């Protein structure tokens, strides 16, 4: 990751401490809206509320994160996939970073899988409560995986199928996670890193329902700085992952596909909104056989060209600290076939 310098959002608790019930659990959903959560990289309608449920459509892939970090806790929730025959996937991310990993719609963290109708022949994964590290996080499974990967397979099959509610109880303490599925512990990991971070619900291709989300925080075990996820600084996504809403370009010059914006012609694309002082983060990848892998970004009257490795995702950070011109759109120029994703902006205070 590279940062180019050309010249805080405070996290809100999910509920007030004065409202803490006798059993110590706090609701994570107020039954009305998604206050206490924020949509990280999905379309505006990907996560929504209906009655006492939080629902994801599954498209695009991405996640809905809590506004603040959690360290040690007991979390309980009910979940249900609508799909009854085909594989249906979602998940709970534990101790995650605020932004997705480079070139990926999901964050670094520990995933507690929410999956049905998946039974690979070699048994490397199950539909009954696997726990595993993703995108650079680390953990040690309670039972070593036969492929040597950081994934704990459950001790028994307890997950119900599509159209039925399942209950998860996740106990996370000092880098250890234990998962209870429908009343019984089935899987766990230890020595997790990070062991403090954000919690998130995953969108992964299918509709999934969540309800009765509640959490009880446990005393801190004083994680080291390197054991704590990065802090959300208020970056918001400029790309829905589904379409080019909020962007302007010549007809068919850029297309939204597979969670990225893909250049189809040698013409620029720019935001409809204009920005002044800000920090821009984006991932990009040139085609595997590109002769000159590079992308050019223009903002606030300045233009920067970044080079990369063909076929590999790279993250760039551009920070505009001085406002020498009027506010301008964010503009990208790239060779045909270049992809851009995970586009985030954080507006800086004007002085």
Foldseek 3Di string as FASTA:
>chain_A
DDEDEDVADDFDAQDDPVPQDPVQKDFNDPQPWNPQKAFAAAAPPQWTHDGQKIKGALPPWAWIWGSDKAFFKKKKKKKAFQDFAAKDWKWKFHQWARFPAFPDRHTWGKTFIQIDNDADPVRQADNATKIFTDDPKDWDWPDQGPVRHGIWHWPDHDDDGHPDMKMWIWGAAQQKIWIDIRHRTTIIIGPIAQRMHIMIIIRHRHMMMMGPIMMHGDDHPDDDPRNHHDHDRDKHDCDNLQFNPQKDDPPPQWTRDSSWIFGAHQTKMWGPDFAFFKKKKKKKAAAQPDPWAWKWKDFLHDIDIDGDHHPDIDMYMYGHPDRPDPTGIIMMGGDGGMIMHRIIMDHDDDD
